[in-house]
Amino acid sequence: MLTKEQFMKMYNTIYADGATQGYELRDLMAKVEKRNREYTPRLTQELEQILKDKSIT
C-alpha cells in the first residue's frame, strides 16, 4: 500500500513529464476519491502501468 506522498510522487512524475493526455490520471484520481483516498494495490498497479507504458521509470 502506498502512502499519500508516494502516490502523489508517482502521479506528479506522470503529470510533470506530460506523459498522458490526462484521462488516465483523472480516472485514477476519481477512484482514489471514491475510496476515501485509500491508495490500494490495484491503484498502485494502474499508476505503475501508466509509468511503464510511457517509459518514465
N, C-alpha and C. Protein backbone atom coordinates (compact mmCIF):
# COMPACT_ATOMS: atom_id res chain seq x y z
N MET A 1 0.85 -1.19 0.00
CA MET A 1 0.00 0.00 0.00
C MET A 1 0.89 1.24 0.00
N LEU A 2 0.56 2.15 -0.88
CA LEU A 2 1.32 3.40 -0.96
C LEU A 2 0.85 4.40 0.08
N THR A 3 1.78 5.22 0.51
CA THR A 3 1.39 6.37 1.32
C THR A 3 0.90 7.45 0.35
N LYS A 4 0.24 8.43 0.88
CA LYS A 4 -0.22 9.53 0.02
C LYS A 4 0.97 10.20 -0.67
N GLU A 5 2.07 10.36 0.06
CA GLU A 5 3.25 11.01 -0.51
C GLU A 5 3.82 10.20 -1.68
N GLN A 6 3.90 8.89 -1.51
CA GLN A 6 4.43 8.04 -2.57
C GLN A 6 3.52 8.09 -3.80
N PHE A 7 2.21 8.01 -3.53
CA PHE A 7 1.24 8.05 -4.63
C PHE A 7 1.36 9.36 -5.40
N MET A 8 1.42 10.45 -4.67
CA MET A 8 1.48 11.75 -5.32
C MET A 8 2.79 11.94 -6.07
N LYS A 9 3.87 11.35 -5.57
CA LYS A 9 5.13 11.44 -6.29
C LYS A 9 5.01 10.75 -7.65
N MET A 10 4.40 9.58 -7.67
CA MET A 10 4.19 8.88 -8.93
C MET A 10 3.26 9.68 -9.85
N TYR A 11 2.18 10.17 -9.27
CA TYR A 11 1.21 10.97 -10.02
C TYR A 11 1.89 12.19 -10.64
N ASN A 12 2.66 12.88 -9.83
CA ASN A 12 3.33 14.10 -10.30
C ASN A 12 4.39 13.81 -11.34
N THR A 13 5.03 12.64 -11.25
CA THR A 13 6.01 12.26 -12.26
C THR A 13 5.35 12.13 -13.61
N ILE A 14 4.20 11.48 -13.64
CA ILE A 14 3.46 11.34 -14.89
C ILE A 14 3.04 12.71 -15.40
N TYR A 15 2.46 13.50 -14.52
CA TYR A 15 1.92 14.80 -14.91
C TYR A 15 3.03 15.73 -15.39
N ALA A 16 4.13 15.80 -14.65
CA ALA A 16 5.22 16.72 -14.95
C ALA A 16 5.87 16.39 -16.29
N ASP A 17 5.93 15.12 -16.63
CA ASP A 17 6.57 14.72 -17.87
C ASP A 17 5.63 14.82 -19.07
N GLY A 18 4.39 15.23 -18.82
CA GLY A 18 3.46 15.38 -19.92
C GLY A 18 3.21 14.06 -20.64
N ALA A 19 3.24 12.98 -19.87
CA ALA A 19 3.24 11.66 -20.47
C ALA A 19 1.85 11.14 -20.86
N THR A 20 0.82 11.83 -20.43
CA THR A 20 -0.52 11.37 -20.77
C THR A 20 -1.33 12.53 -21.28
N GLN A 21 -2.49 12.22 -21.83
CA GLN A 21 -3.41 13.28 -22.21
C GLN A 21 -4.26 13.67 -21.02
N GLY A 22 -4.02 13.02 -19.90
CA GLY A 22 -4.71 13.39 -18.67
C GLY A 22 -5.84 12.47 -18.28
N TYR A 23 -6.39 11.73 -19.23
CA TYR A 23 -7.57 10.95 -18.87
C TYR A 23 -7.25 9.81 -17.93
N GLU A 24 -6.09 9.16 -18.08
CA GLU A 24 -5.73 8.09 -17.15
C GLU A 24 -5.61 8.64 -15.73
N LEU A 25 -5.02 9.81 -15.61
CA LEU A 25 -4.82 10.41 -14.29
C LEU A 25 -6.15 10.81 -13.67
N ARG A 26 -7.02 11.40 -14.46
CA ARG A 26 -8.33 11.78 -13.94
C ARG A 26 -9.09 10.56 -13.45
N ASP A 27 -9.03 9.49 -14.24
CA ASP A 27 -9.71 8.25 -13.84
C ASP A 27 -9.14 7.71 -12.54
N LEU A 28 -7.82 7.69 -12.43
CA LEU A 28 -7.20 7.17 -11.22
C LEU A 28 -7.54 8.03 -10.01
N MET A 29 -7.48 9.34 -10.19
CA MET A 29 -7.76 10.21 -9.06
C MET A 29 -9.22 10.12 -8.64
N ALA A 30 -10.10 9.91 -9.61
CA ALA A 30 -11.52 9.72 -9.27
C ALA A 30 -11.69 8.46 -8.43
N LYS A 31 -10.95 7.42 -8.77
CA LYS A 31 -11.01 6.18 -7.99
C LYS A 31 -10.48 6.41 -6.57
N VAL A 32 -9.41 7.17 -6.48
CA VAL A 32 -8.85 7.48 -5.16
C VAL A 32 -9.89 8.23 -4.32
N GLU A 33 -10.52 9.22 -4.92
CA GLU A 33 -11.53 10.00 -4.19
C GLU A 33 -12.68 9.11 -3.74
N LYS A 34 -13.12 8.23 -4.62
CA LYS A 34 -14.23 7.34 -4.28
C LYS A 34 -13.88 6.43 -3.12
N ARG A 35 -12.63 6.10 -3.00
CA ARG A 35 -12.19 5.19 -1.95
C ARG A 35 -11.66 5.95 -0.74
N ASN A 36 -12.07 7.17 -0.62
CA ASN A 36 -11.64 7.99 0.52
C ASN A 36 -10.12 8.05 0.64
N ARG A 37 -9.50 8.24 -0.49
CA ARG A 37 -8.05 8.40 -0.54
C ARG A 37 -7.27 7.18 -0.05
N GLU A 38 -7.81 6.01 -0.28
CA GLU A 38 -7.07 4.78 0.02
C GLU A 38 -6.24 4.44 -1.21
N TYR A 39 -4.95 4.31 -1.00
CA TYR A 39 -4.05 4.02 -2.11
C TYR A 39 -3.88 2.51 -2.18
N THR A 40 -4.80 1.87 -2.84
CA THR A 40 -4.87 0.42 -2.88
C THR A 40 -3.83 -0.18 -3.82
N PRO A 41 -3.53 -1.44 -3.62
CA PRO A 41 -2.58 -2.10 -4.53
C PRO A 41 -3.01 -2.01 -6.00
N ARG A 42 -4.30 -2.10 -6.25
CA ARG A 42 -4.77 -2.03 -7.64
C ARG A 42 -4.49 -0.66 -8.25
N LEU A 43 -4.75 0.39 -7.50
CA LEU A 43 -4.45 1.74 -7.99
C LEU A 43 -2.95 1.89 -8.23
N THR A 44 -2.17 1.33 -7.31
CA THR A 44 -0.72 1.38 -7.46
C THR A 44 -0.30 0.71 -8.75
N GLN A 45 -0.87 -0.46 -9.01
CA GLN A 45 -0.54 -1.18 -10.24
C GLN A 45 -0.93 -0.38 -11.47
N GLU A 46 -2.10 0.22 -11.44
CA GLU A 46 -2.55 1.01 -12.58
C GLU A 46 -1.61 2.20 -12.82
N LEU A 47 -1.22 2.86 -11.75
CA LEU A 47 -0.33 4.01 -11.88
C LEU A 47 1.04 3.56 -12.39
N GLU A 48 1.55 2.44 -11.85
CA GLU A 48 2.83 1.92 -12.30
C GLU A 48 2.77 1.52 -13.77
N GLN A 49 1.63 0.98 -14.20
CA GLN A 49 1.49 0.58 -15.60
C GLN A 49 1.53 1.80 -16.52
N ILE A 50 0.90 2.89 -16.10
CA ILE A 50 0.96 4.12 -16.91
C ILE A 50 2.41 4.59 -17.02
N LEU A 51 3.12 4.58 -15.90
CA LEU A 51 4.53 4.98 -15.92
C LEU A 51 5.32 4.09 -16.87
N LYS A 52 5.10 2.79 -16.77
CA LYS A 52 5.82 1.83 -17.60
C LYS A 52 5.49 2.04 -19.07
N ASP A 53 4.20 2.19 -19.37
CA ASP A 53 3.76 2.37 -20.76
C ASP A 53 4.37 3.63 -21.38
N LYS A 54 4.56 4.63 -20.57
CA LYS A 54 5.09 5.89 -21.08
C LYS A 54 6.61 5.96 -20.95
N SER A 55 7.22 4.85 -20.52
CA SER A 55 8.68 4.76 -20.39
C SER A 55 9.28 5.83 -19.50
N ILE A 56 8.62 6.09 -18.39
CA ILE A 56 9.12 7.09 -17.46
C ILE A 56 10.04 6.45 -16.43
N THR A 57 9.71 5.21 -16.03
CA THR A 57 10.51 4.55 -14.99
C THR A 57 11.83 4.08 -15.54
